Amino acid sequence: MVKLIALYKQPEDQKAFDEHYFNTHAPITAKIPGLRKMEVTKIVGSPTGKSDYHLLCEMYYDSHEALKEAMKTEEAKASGKDLMGFAGELVTMMIGEEVNE
């Protein structure tokens, strides 16, 4: 499995961020063809106290090719446009592979 990972820094207004994220952005993202599973984790702290991060979203795809194809769709473009509009300066995007040792 391949993951597209979005890591969000703390927003100035958590309530407004969460409202938009969970009621607008996540439903748009969930419609992306080829997306197998989407897991959202709210960051509540770190071992040393407060965290600089607010949310982590892991979006699972069958393969790198499946992810590439998904990113070409209108649904992915809509998700990206929305993301840049409300969290462009807060988000770091990464691609990862699950490791089975």
PDB file of N, CA and C in Angstrom:
ATOM      1  N   MET A   1       0.835  -1.191   0.000  1.00  0.00           N
ATOM      2  CA  MET A   1       0.000   0.000   0.000  1.00  0.00           C
ATOM      3  C   MET A   1       0.875   1.248   0.000  1.00  0.00           C
ATOM      4  N   VAL A   2       0.382   2.262  -0.664  1.00  0.00           N
ATOM      5  CA  VAL A   2       1.036   3.568  -0.725  1.00  0.00           C
ATOM      6  C   VAL A   2       0.126   4.570  -0.036  1.00  0.00           C
ATOM      7  N   LYS A   3       0.731   5.485   0.702  1.00  0.00           N
ATOM      8  CA  LYS A   3      -0.044   6.504   1.405  1.00  0.00           C
ATOM      9  C   LYS A   3       0.330   7.892   0.907  1.00  0.00           C
ATOM     10  N   LEU A   4      -0.678   8.709   0.725  1.00  0.00           N
ATOM     11  CA  LEU A   4      -0.480  10.132   0.581  1.00  0.00           C
ATOM     12  C   LEU A   4      -0.766  10.690   1.964  1.00  0.00           C
ATOM     13  N   ILE A   5       0.196  11.373   2.541  1.00  0.00           N
ATOM     14  CA  ILE A   5       0.102  11.830   3.926  1.00  0.00           C
ATOM     15  C   ILE A   5       0.060  13.354   3.948  1.00  0.00           C
ATOM     16  N   ALA A   6      -0.899  13.884   4.689  1.00  0.00           N
ATOM     17  CA  ALA A   6      -1.001  15.337   4.884  1.00  0.00           C
ATOM     18  C   ALA A   6      -0.817  15.623   6.369  1.00  0.00           C
ATOM     19  N   LEU A   7       0.173  16.440   6.691  1.00  0.00           N
ATOM     20  CA  LEU A   7       0.453  16.812   8.072  1.00  0.00           C
ATOM     21  C   LEU A   7       0.199  18.312   8.205  1.00  0.00           C
ATOM     22  N   TYR A   8      -0.717  18.667   9.095  1.00  0.00           N
ATOM     23  CA  TYR A   8      -1.146  20.051   9.252  1.00  0.00           C
ATOM     24  C   TYR A   8      -0.578  20.672  10.523  1.00  0.00           C
ATOM     25  N   LYS A   9       0.021  21.860  10.392  1.00  0.00           N
ATOM     26  CA  LYS A   9       0.480  22.626  11.545  1.00  0.00           C
ATOM     27  C   LYS A   9      -0.732  23.188  12.287  1.00  0.00           C
ATOM     28  N   GLN A  10      -0.503  23.662  13.494  1.00  0.00           N
ATOM     29  CA  GLN A  10      -1.572  24.267  14.282  1.00  0.00           C
ATOM     30  C   GLN A  10      -2.125  25.499  13.558  1.00  0.00           C
ATOM     31  N   PRO A  11      -3.432  25.537  13.315  1.00  0.00           N
ATOM     32  CA  PRO A  11      -4.031  26.738  12.713  1.00  0.00           C
ATOM     33  C   PRO A  11      -4.270  27.800  13.788  1.00  0.00           C
ATOM     34  N   GLU A  12      -4.392  29.047  13.371  1.00  0.00           N
ATOM     35  CA  GLU A  12      -4.686  30.122  14.329  1.00  0.00           C
ATOM     36  C   GLU A  12      -6.049  29.904  14.968  1.00  0.00           C
ATOM     37  N   ASP A  13      -7.030  29.489  14.167  1.00  0.00           N
ATOM     38  CA  ASP A  13      -8.395  29.268  14.655  1.00  0.00           C
ATOM     39  C   ASP A  13      -8.748  27.793  14.458  1.00  0.00           C
ATOM     40  N   GLN A  14      -8.514  26.984  15.491  1.00  0.00           N
ATOM     41  CA  GLN A  14      -8.758  25.543  15.377  1.00  0.00           C
ATOM     42  C   GLN A  14     -10.211  25.225  15.071  1.00  0.00           C
ATOM     43  N   LYS A  15     -11.127  25.945  15.679  1.00  0.00           N
ATOM     44  CA  LYS A  15     -12.542  25.672  15.468  1.00  0.00           C
ATOM     45  C   LYS A  15     -12.930  25.880  14.004  1.00  0.00           C
ATOM     46  N   ALA A  16     -12.518  26.990  13.422  1.00  0.00           N
ATOM     47  CA  ALA A  16     -12.821  27.278  12.016  1.00  0.00           C
ATOM     48  C   ALA A  16     -12.129  26.276  11.101  1.00  0.00           C
ATOM     49  N   PHE A  17     -10.884  25.925  11.419  1.00  0.00           N
ATOM     50  CA  PHE A  17     -10.152  24.938  10.630  1.00  0.00           C
ATOM     51  C   PHE A  17     -10.884  23.600  10.644  1.00  0.00           C
ATOM     52  N   ASP A  18     -11.220  23.130  11.840  1.00  0.00           N
ATOM     53  CA  ASP A  18     -11.889  21.831  11.968  1.00  0.00           C
ATOM     54  C   ASP A  18     -13.240  21.829  11.262  1.00  0.00           C
ATOM     55  N   GLU A  19     -13.968  22.909  11.371  1.00  0.00           N
ATOM     56  CA  GLU A  19     -15.270  23.028  10.705  1.00  0.00           C
ATOM     57  C   GLU A  19     -15.107  22.820   9.200  1.00  0.00           C
ATOM     58  N   HIS A  20     -14.146  23.543   8.619  1.00  0.00           N
ATOM     59  CA  HIS A  20     -13.928  23.423   7.173  1.00  0.00           C
ATOM     60  C   HIS A  20     -13.361  22.038   6.817  1.00  0.00           C
ATOM     61  N   TYR A  21     -12.387  21.591   7.583  1.00  0.00           N
ATOM     62  CA  TYR A  21     -11.742  20.316   7.270  1.00  0.00           C
ATOM     63  C   TYR A  21     -12.750  19.169   7.267  1.00  0.00           C
ATOM     64  N   PHE A  22     -13.498  19.021   8.354  1.00  0.00           N
ATOM     65  CA  PHE A  22     -14.373  17.861   8.499  1.00  0.00           C
ATOM     66  C   PHE A  22     -15.679  17.973   7.725  1.00  0.00           C
ATOM     67  N   ASN A  23     -16.175  19.203   7.485  1.00  0.00           N
ATOM     68  CA  ASN A  23     -17.458  19.356   6.807  1.00  0.00           C
ATOM     69  C   ASN A  23     -17.344  19.653   5.317  1.00  0.00           C
ATOM     70  N   THR A  24     -16.175  20.123   4.877  1.00  0.00           N
ATOM     71  CA  THR A  24     -15.992  20.447   3.460  1.00  0.00           C
ATOM     72  C   THR A  24     -14.859  19.649   2.833  1.00  0.00           C
ATOM     73  N   HIS A  25     -13.654  19.797   3.384  1.00  0.00           N
ATOM     74  CA  HIS A  25     -12.483  19.195   2.731  1.00  0.00           C
ATOM     75  C   HIS A  25     -12.490  17.664   2.745  1.00  0.00           C
ATOM     76  N   ALA A  26     -12.700  17.069   3.898  1.00  0.00           N
ATOM     77  CA  ALA A  26     -12.670  15.597   3.977  1.00  0.00           C
ATOM     78  C   ALA A  26     -13.713  14.949   3.060  1.00  0.00           C
ATOM     79  N   PRO A  27     -14.949  15.453   2.992  1.00  0.00           N
ATOM     80  CA  PRO A  27     -15.912  14.844   2.068  1.00  0.00           C
ATOM     81  C   PRO A  27     -15.500  14.962   0.595  1.00  0.00           C
ATOM     82  N   ILE A  28     -14.868  16.075   0.214  1.00  0.00           N
ATOM     83  CA  ILE A  28     -14.369  16.218  -1.162  1.00  0.00           C
ATOM     84  C   ILE A  28     -13.280  15.175  -1.408  1.00  0.00           C
ATOM     85  N   THR A  29     -12.347  15.070  -0.483  1.00  0.00           N
ATOM     86  CA  THR A  29     -11.222  14.151  -0.617  1.00  0.00           C
ATOM     87  C   THR A  29     -11.686  12.695  -0.656  1.00  0.00           C
ATOM     88  N   ALA A  30     -12.669  12.365   0.140  1.00  0.00           N
ATOM     89  CA  ALA A  30     -13.164  10.979   0.211  1.00  0.00           C
ATOM     90  C   ALA A  30     -13.726  10.484  -1.116  1.00  0.00           C
ATOM     91  N   LYS A  31     -14.050  11.390  -2.022  1.00  0.00           N
ATOM     92  CA  LYS A  31     -14.627  11.014  -3.322  1.00  0.00           C
ATOM     93  C   LYS A  31     -13.572  10.705  -4.387  1.00  0.00           C
ATOM     94  N   ILE A  32     -12.292  10.857  -4.060  1.00  0.00           N
ATOM     95  CA  ILE A  32     -11.239  10.628  -5.052  1.00  0.00           C
ATOM     96  C   ILE A  32     -11.236   9.164  -5.467  1.00  0.00           C
ATOM     97  N   PRO A  33     -11.361   8.887  -6.774  1.00  0.00           N
ATOM     98  CA  PRO A  33     -11.342   7.497  -7.240  1.00  0.00           C
ATOM     99  C   PRO A  33     -10.021   6.806  -6.882  1.00  0.00           C
ATOM    100  N   GLY A  34     -10.106   5.562  -6.467  1.00  0.00           N
ATOM    101  CA  GLY A  34      -8.914   4.796  -6.125  1.00  0.00           C
ATOM    102  C   GLY A  34      -8.495   4.900  -4.675  1.00  0.00           C
ATOM    103  N   LEU A  35      -9.074   5.842  -3.943  1.00  0.00           N
ATOM    104  CA  LEU A  35      -8.769   5.984  -2.519  1.00  0.00           C
ATOM    105  C   LEU A  35      -9.374   4.798  -1.776  1.00  0.00           C
ATOM    106  N   ARG A  36      -8.537   4.013  -1.130  1.00  0.00           N
ATOM    107  CA  ARG A  36      -8.999   2.811  -0.430  1.00  0.00           C
ATOM    108  C   ARG A  36      -9.467   3.096   0.989  1.00  0.00           C
ATOM    109  N   LYS A  37      -8.764   4.001   1.649  1.00  0.00           N
ATOM    110  CA  LYS A  37      -9.074   4.293   3.051  1.00  0.00           C
ATOM    111  C   LYS A  37      -8.474   5.655   3.385  1.00  0.00           C
ATOM    112  N   MET A  38      -9.143   6.383   4.268  1.00  0.00           N
ATOM    113  CA  MET A  38      -8.638   7.674   4.721  1.00  0.00           C
ATOM    114  C   MET A  38      -8.742   7.697   6.245  1.00  0.00           C
ATOM    115  N   GLU A  39      -7.609   7.886   6.903  1.00  0.00           N
ATOM    116  CA  GLU A  39      -7.564   7.946   8.367  1.00  0.00           C
ATOM    117  C   GLU A  39      -7.082   9.321   8.800  1.00  0.00           C
ATOM    118  N   VAL A  40      -7.852   9.946   9.682  1.00  0.00           N
ATOM    119  CA  VAL A  40      -7.492  11.264  10.200  1.00  0.00           C
ATOM    120  C   VAL A  40      -7.191  11.129  11.687  1.00  0.00           C
ATOM    121  N   THR A  41      -6.046  11.652  12.093  1.00  0.00           N
ATOM    122  CA  THR A  41      -5.615  11.620  13.488  1.00  0.00           C
ATOM    123  C   THR A  41      -5.486  13.046  13.997  1.00  0.00           C
ATOM    124  N   LYS A  42      -6.146  13.343  15.096  1.00  0.00           N
ATOM    125  CA  LYS A  42      -5.982  14.657  15.728  1.00  0.00           C
ATOM    126  C   LYS A  42      -4.785  14.561  16.670  1.00  0.00           C
ATOM    127  N   ILE A  43      -3.829  15.442  16.494  1.00  0.00           N
ATOM    128  CA  ILE A  43      -2.626  15.457  17.320  1.00  0.00           C
ATOM    129  C   ILE A  43      -2.976  16.172  18.629  1.00  0.00           C
ATOM    130  N   VAL A  44      -2.792  15.485  19.745  1.00  0.00           N
ATOM    131  CA  VAL A  44      -3.185  16.050  21.038  1.00  0.00           C
ATOM    132  C   VAL A  44      -1.991  16.440  21.910  1.00  0.00           C
ATOM    133  N   GLY A  45      -0.800  16.208  21.412  1.00  0.00           N
ATOM    134  CA  GLY A  45       0.393  16.567  22.170  1.00  0.00           C
ATOM    135  C   GLY A  45       1.586  15.794  21.661  1.00  0.00           C
ATOM    136  N   SER A  46       2.673  15.894  22.403  1.00  0.00           N
ATOM    137  CA  SER A  46       3.886  15.141  22.085  1.00  0.00           C
ATOM    138  C   SER A  46       4.484  14.668  23.406  1.00  0.00           C
ATOM    139  N   PRO A  47       5.464  13.780  23.363  1.00  0.00           N
ATOM    140  CA  PRO A  47       6.082  13.328  24.608  1.00  0.00           C
ATOM    141  C   PRO A  47       6.701  14.464  25.427  1.00  0.00           C
ATOM    142  N   THR A  48       6.998  15.570  24.766  1.00  0.00           N
ATOM    143  CA  THR A  48       7.597  16.702  25.477  1.00  0.00           C
ATOM    144  C   THR A  48       6.592  17.813  25.758  1.00  0.00           C
ATOM    145  N   GLY A  49       5.311  17.545  25.508  1.00  0.00           N
ATOM    146  CA  GLY A  49       4.278  18.547  25.791  1.00  0.00           C
ATOM    147  C   GLY A  49       3.465  18.893  24.574  1.00  0.00           C
ATOM    148  N   LYS A  50       3.339  20.170  24.328  1.00  0.00           N
ATOM    149  CA  LYS A  50       2.524  20.664  23.221  1.00  0.00           C
ATOM    150  C   LYS A  50       3.175  20.343  21.873  1.00  0.00           C
ATOM    151  N   SER A  51       2.330  20.091  20.871  1.00  0.00           N
ATOM    152  CA  SER A  51       2.819  19.797  19.527  1.00  0.00           C
ATOM    153  C   SER A  51       2.616  20.984  18.599  1.00  0.00           C
ATOM    154  N   ASP A  52       3.476  21.096  17.612  1.00  0.00           N
ATOM    155  CA  ASP A  52       3.330  22.121  16.578  1.00  0.00           C
ATOM    156  C   ASP A  52       2.294  21.699  15.541  1.00  0.00           C
ATOM    157  N   TYR A  53       1.809  20.447  15.650  1.00  0.00           N
ATOM    158  CA  TYR A  53       0.925  19.889  14.630  1.00  0.00           C
ATOM    159  C   TYR A  53      -0.482  19.673  15.161  1.00  0.00           C
ATOM    160  N   HIS A  54      -1.450  19.761  14.253  1.00  0.00           N
ATOM    161  CA  HIS A  54      -2.869  19.688  14.600  1.00  0.00           C
ATOM    162  C   HIS A  54      -3.530  18.401  14.101  1.00  0.00           C
ATOM    163  N   LEU A  55      -3.324  18.079  12.827  1.00  0.00           N
ATOM    164  CA  LEU A  55      -3.939  16.887  12.233  1.00  0.00           C
ATOM    165  C   LEU A  55      -2.955  16.153  11.342  1.00  0.00           C
ATOM    166  N   LEU A  56      -3.201  14.851  11.208  1.00  0.00           N
ATOM    167  CA  LEU A  56      -2.483  13.996  10.271  1.00  0.00           C
ATOM    168  C   LEU A  56      -3.538  13.222   9.502  1.00  0.00           C
ATOM    169  N   CYS A  57      -3.463  13.257   8.186  1.00  0.00           N
ATOM    170  CA  CYS A  57      -4.386  12.478   7.366  1.00  0.00           C
ATOM    171  C   CYS A  57      -3.581  11.530   6.494  1.00  0.00           C
ATOM    172  N   GLU A  58      -3.946  10.236   6.551  1.00  0.00           N
ATOM    173  CA  GLU A  58      -3.298   9.218   5.731  1.00  0.00           C
ATOM    174  C   GLU A  58      -4.320   8.695   4.737  1.00  0.00           C
ATOM    175  N   MET A  59      -3.996   8.810   3.459  1.00  0.00           N
ATOM    176  CA  MET A  59      -4.875   8.375   2.379  1.00  0.00           C
ATOM    177  C   MET A  59      -4.208   7.213   1.659  1.00  0.00           C
ATOM    178  N   TYR A  60      -4.850   6.070   1.671  1.00  0.00           N
ATOM    179  CA  TYR A  60      -4.256   4.822   1.190  1.00  0.00           C
ATOM    180  C   TYR A  60      -4.665   4.514  -0.248  1.00  0.00           C
ATOM    181  N   TYR A  61      -3.677   4.105  -1.041  1.00  0.00           N
ATOM    182  CA  TYR A  61      -3.877   3.684  -2.428  1.00  0.00           C
ATOM    183  C   TYR A  61      -3.175   2.347  -2.641  1.00  0.00           C
ATOM    184  N   ASP A  62      -3.633   1.586  -3.628  1.00  0.00           N
ATOM    185  CA  ASP A  62      -3.073   0.251  -3.878  1.00  0.00           C
ATOM    186  C   ASP A  62      -1.612   0.289  -4.319  1.00  0.00           C
ATOM    187  N   SER A  63      -1.221   1.334  -5.054  1.00  0.00           N
ATOM    188  CA  SER A  63       0.128   1.396  -5.620  1.00  0.00           C
ATOM    189  C   SER A  63       0.467   2.839  -5.976  1.00  0.00           C
ATOM    190  N   HIS A  64       1.726   3.054  -6.335  1.00  0.00           N
ATOM    191  CA  HIS A  64       2.138   4.380  -6.798  1.00  0.00           C
ATOM    192  C   HIS A  64       1.360   4.757  -8.057  1.00  0.00           C
ATOM    193  N   GLU A  65       1.170   3.785  -8.936  1.00  0.00           N
ATOM    194  CA  GLU A  65       0.421   4.039 -10.179  1.00  0.00           C
ATOM    195  C   GLU A  65      -1.019   4.431  -9.871  1.00  0.00           C
ATOM    196  N   ALA A  66      -1.636   3.749  -8.916  1.00  0.00           N
ATOM    197  CA  ALA A  66      -3.013   4.086  -8.530  1.00  0.00           C
ATOM    198  C   ALA A  66      -3.077   5.508  -7.974  1.00  0.00           C
ATOM    199  N   LEU A  67      -2.088   5.896  -7.178  1.00  0.00           N
ATOM    200  CA  LEU A  67      -2.032   7.256  -6.638  1.00  0.00           C
ATOM    201  C   LEU A  67      -1.870   8.270  -7.770  1.00  0.00           C
ATOM    202  N   LYS A  68      -0.955   7.998  -8.702  1.00  0.00           N
ATOM    203  CA  LYS A  68      -0.740   8.912  -9.827  1.00  0.00           C
ATOM    204  C   LYS A  68      -2.016   9.090 -10.639  1.00  0.00           C
ATOM    205  N   GLU A  69      -2.710   7.991 -10.907  1.00  0.00           N
ATOM    206  CA  GLU A  69      -3.957   8.069 -11.671  1.00  0.00           C
ATOM    207  C   GLU A  69      -5.020   8.844 -10.899  1.00  0.00           C
ATOM    208  N   ALA A  70      -5.097   8.612  -9.599  1.00  0.00           N
ATOM    209  CA  ALA A  70      -6.083   9.310  -8.774  1.00  0.00           C
ATOM    210  C   ALA A  70      -5.849  10.810  -8.801  1.00  0.00           C
ATOM    211  N   MET A  71      -4.585  11.237  -8.788  1.00  0.00           N
ATOM    212  CA  MET A  71      -4.263  12.658  -8.737  1.00  0.00           C
ATOM    213  C   MET A  71      -4.634  13.392 -10.024  1.00  0.00           C
ATOM    214  N   LYS A  72      -4.905  12.654 -11.092  1.00  0.00           N
ATOM    215  CA  LYS A  72      -5.302  13.253 -12.369  1.00  0.00           C
ATOM    216  C   LYS A  72      -6.803  13.515 -12.451  1.00  0.00           C
ATOM    217  N   THR A  73      -7.566  13.033 -11.490  1.00  0.00           N
ATOM    218  CA  THR A  73      -9.023  13.128 -11.565  1.00  0.00           C
ATOM    219  C   THR A  73      -9.542  14.501 -11.149  1.00  0.00           C
ATOM    220  N   GLU A  74     -10.757  14.789 -11.585  1.00  0.00           N
ATOM    221  CA  GLU A  74     -11.405  16.050 -11.209  1.00  0.00           C
ATOM    222  C   GLU A  74     -11.607  16.135  -9.701  1.00  0.00           C
ATOM    223  N   GLU A  75     -11.893  14.999  -9.063  1.00  0.00           N
ATOM    224  CA  GLU A  75     -12.091  14.977  -7.613  1.00  0.00           C
ATOM    225  C   GLU A  75     -10.813  15.355  -6.876  1.00  0.00           C
ATOM    226  N   ALA A  76      -9.679  14.844  -7.336  1.00  0.00           N
ATOM    227  CA  ALA A  76      -8.396  15.190  -6.711  1.00  0.00           C
ATOM    228  C   ALA A  76      -8.052  16.653  -6.946  1.00  0.00           C
ATOM    229  N   LYS A  77      -8.354  17.141  -8.130  1.00  0.00           N
ATOM    230  CA  LYS A  77      -8.097  18.559  -8.417  1.00  0.00           C
ATOM    231  C   LYS A  77      -8.948  19.445  -7.517  1.00  0.00           C
ATOM    232  N   ALA A  78     -10.198  19.054  -7.291  1.00  0.00           N
ATOM    233  CA  ALA A  78     -11.080  19.824  -6.407  1.00  0.00           C
ATOM    234  C   ALA A  78     -10.556  19.797  -4.971  1.00  0.00           C
ATOM    235  N   SER A  79     -10.065  18.637  -4.540  1.00  0.00           N
ATOM    236  CA  SER A  79      -9.505  18.514  -3.197  1.00  0.00           C
ATOM    237  C   SER A  79      -8.269  19.401  -3.052  1.00  0.00           C
ATOM    238  N   GLY A  80      -7.388  19.372  -4.030  1.00  0.00           N
ATOM    239  CA  GLY A  80      -6.177  20.188  -3.996  1.00  0.00           C
ATOM    240  C   GLY A  80      -6.484  21.674  -3.988  1.00  0.00           C
ATOM    241  N   LYS A  81      -7.453  22.089  -4.805  1.00  0.00           N
ATOM    242  CA  LYS A  81      -7.836  23.503  -4.850  1.00  0.00           C
ATOM    243  C   LYS A  81      -8.389  23.947  -3.496  1.00  0.00           C
ATOM    244  N   ASP A  82      -9.252  23.106  -2.914  1.00  0.00           N
ATOM    245  CA  ASP A  82      -9.799  23.439  -1.606  1.00  0.00           C
ATOM    246  C   ASP A  82      -8.692  23.495  -0.554  1.00  0.00           C
ATOM    247  N   LEU A  83      -7.785  22.528  -0.583  1.00  0.00           N
ATOM    248  CA  LEU A  83      -6.682  22.478   0.376  1.00  0.00           C
ATOM    249  C   LEU A  83      -5.854  23.755   0.340  1.00  0.00           C
ATOM    250  N   MET A  84      -5.488  24.186  -0.850  1.00  0.00           N
ATOM    251  CA  MET A  84      -4.663  25.385  -0.969  1.00  0.00           C
ATOM    252  C   MET A  84      -5.424  26.617  -0.490  1.00  0.00           C
ATOM    253  N   GLY A  85      -6.737  26.614  -0.620  1.00  0.00           N
ATOM    254  CA  GLY A  85      -7.537  27.751  -0.210  1.00  0.00           C
ATOM    255  C   GLY A  85      -7.659  27.929   1.296  1.00  0.00           C
ATOM    256  N   PHE A  86      -7.668  26.813   2.046  1.00  0.00           N
ATOM    257  CA  PHE A  86      -7.862  26.965   3.489  1.00  0.00           C
ATOM    258  C   PHE A  86      -6.659  26.553   4.323  1.00  0.00           C
ATOM    259  N   ALA A  87      -5.709  25.808   3.739  1.00  0.00           N
ATOM    260  CA  ALA A  87      -4.589  25.317   4.551  1.00  0.00           C
ATOM    261  C   ALA A  87      -3.266  25.255   3.797  1.00  0.00           C
ATOM    262  N   GLY A  88      -3.150  25.986   2.722  1.00  0.00           N
ATOM    263  CA  GLY A  88      -1.940  25.923   1.903  1.00  0.00           C
ATOM    264  C   GLY A  88      -0.651  26.173   2.662  1.00  0.00           C
ATOM    265  N   GLU A  89      -0.703  27.091   3.635  1.00  0.00           N
ATOM    266  CA  GLU A  89       0.509  27.419   4.397  1.00  0.00           C
ATOM    267  C   GLU A  89       0.700  26.514   5.608  1.00  0.00           C
ATOM    268  N   LEU A  90      -0.292  25.675   5.892  1.00  0.00           N
ATOM    269  CA  LEU A  90      -0.228  24.821   7.086  1.00  0.00           C
ATOM    270  C   LEU A  90       0.141  23.375   6.784  1.00  0.00           C
ATOM    271  N   VAL A  91      -0.002  22.953   5.542  1.00  0.00           N
ATOM    272  CA  VAL A  91       0.101  21.529   5.221  1.00  0.00           C
ATOM    273  C   VAL A  91       1.445  21.161   4.593  1.00  0.00           C
ATOM    274  N   THR A  92       1.924  19.977   4.976  1.00  0.00           N
ATOM    275  CA  THR A  92       3.061  19.333   4.331  1.00  0.00           C
ATOM    276  C   THR A  92       2.550  18.012   3.779  1.00  0.00           C
ATOM    277  N   MET A  93       2.794  17.768   2.509  1.00  0.00           N
ATOM    278  CA  MET A  93       2.336  16.536   1.852  1.00  0.00           C
ATOM    279  C   MET A  93       3.530  15.607   1.630  1.00  0.00           C
ATOM    280  N   MET A  94       3.289  14.317   1.868  1.00  0.00           N
ATOM    281  CA  MET A  94       4.332  13.300   1.699  1.00  0.00           C
ATOM    282  C   MET A  94       3.722  12.052   1.080  1.00  0.00           C
ATOM    283  N   ILE A  95       4.558  11.259   0.442  1.00  0.00           N
ATOM    284  CA  ILE A  95       4.150   9.951  -0.067  1.00  0.00           C
ATOM    285  C   ILE A  95       4.977   8.902   0.669  1.00  0.00           C
ATOM    286  N   GLY A  96       4.309   7.885   1.181  1.00  0.00           N
ATOM    287  CA  GLY A  96       5.007   6.833   1.905  1.00  0.00           C
ATOM    288  C   GLY A  96       4.557   5.455   1.453  1.00  0.00           C
ATOM    289  N   GLU A  97       5.339   4.462   1.767  1.00  0.00           N
ATOM    290  CA  GLU A  97       5.007   3.063   1.502  1.00  0.00           C
ATOM    291  C   GLU A  97       4.971   2.328   2.818  1.00  0.00           C
ATOM    292  N   GLU A  98       3.961   1.468   2.980  1.00  0.00           N
ATOM    293  CA  GLU A  98       3.914   0.643   4.163  1.00  0.00           C
ATOM    294  C   GLU A  98       5.051  -0.376   4.084  1.00  0.00           C
ATOM    295  N   VAL A  99       5.697  -0.638   5.206  1.00  0.00           N
ATOM    296  CA  VAL A  99       6.806  -1.577   5.276  1.00  0.00           C
ATOM    297  C   VAL A  99       6.353  -2.780   6.075  1.00  0.00           C
ATOM    298  N   ASN A 100       6.434  -3.939   5.481  1.00  0.00           N
ATOM    299  CA  ASN A 100       6.078  -5.190   6.166  1.00  0.00           C
ATOM    300  C   ASN A 100       7.361  -5.979   6.399  1.00  0.00           C
ATOM    301  N   GLU A 101       7.837  -5.947   7.616  1.00  0.00           N
ATOM    302  CA  GLU A 101       9.098  -6.648   7.912  1.00  0.00           C
ATOM    303  C   GLU A 101       8.830  -7.996   8.496  1.00  0.00           C
TER     304      GLU A 101
END
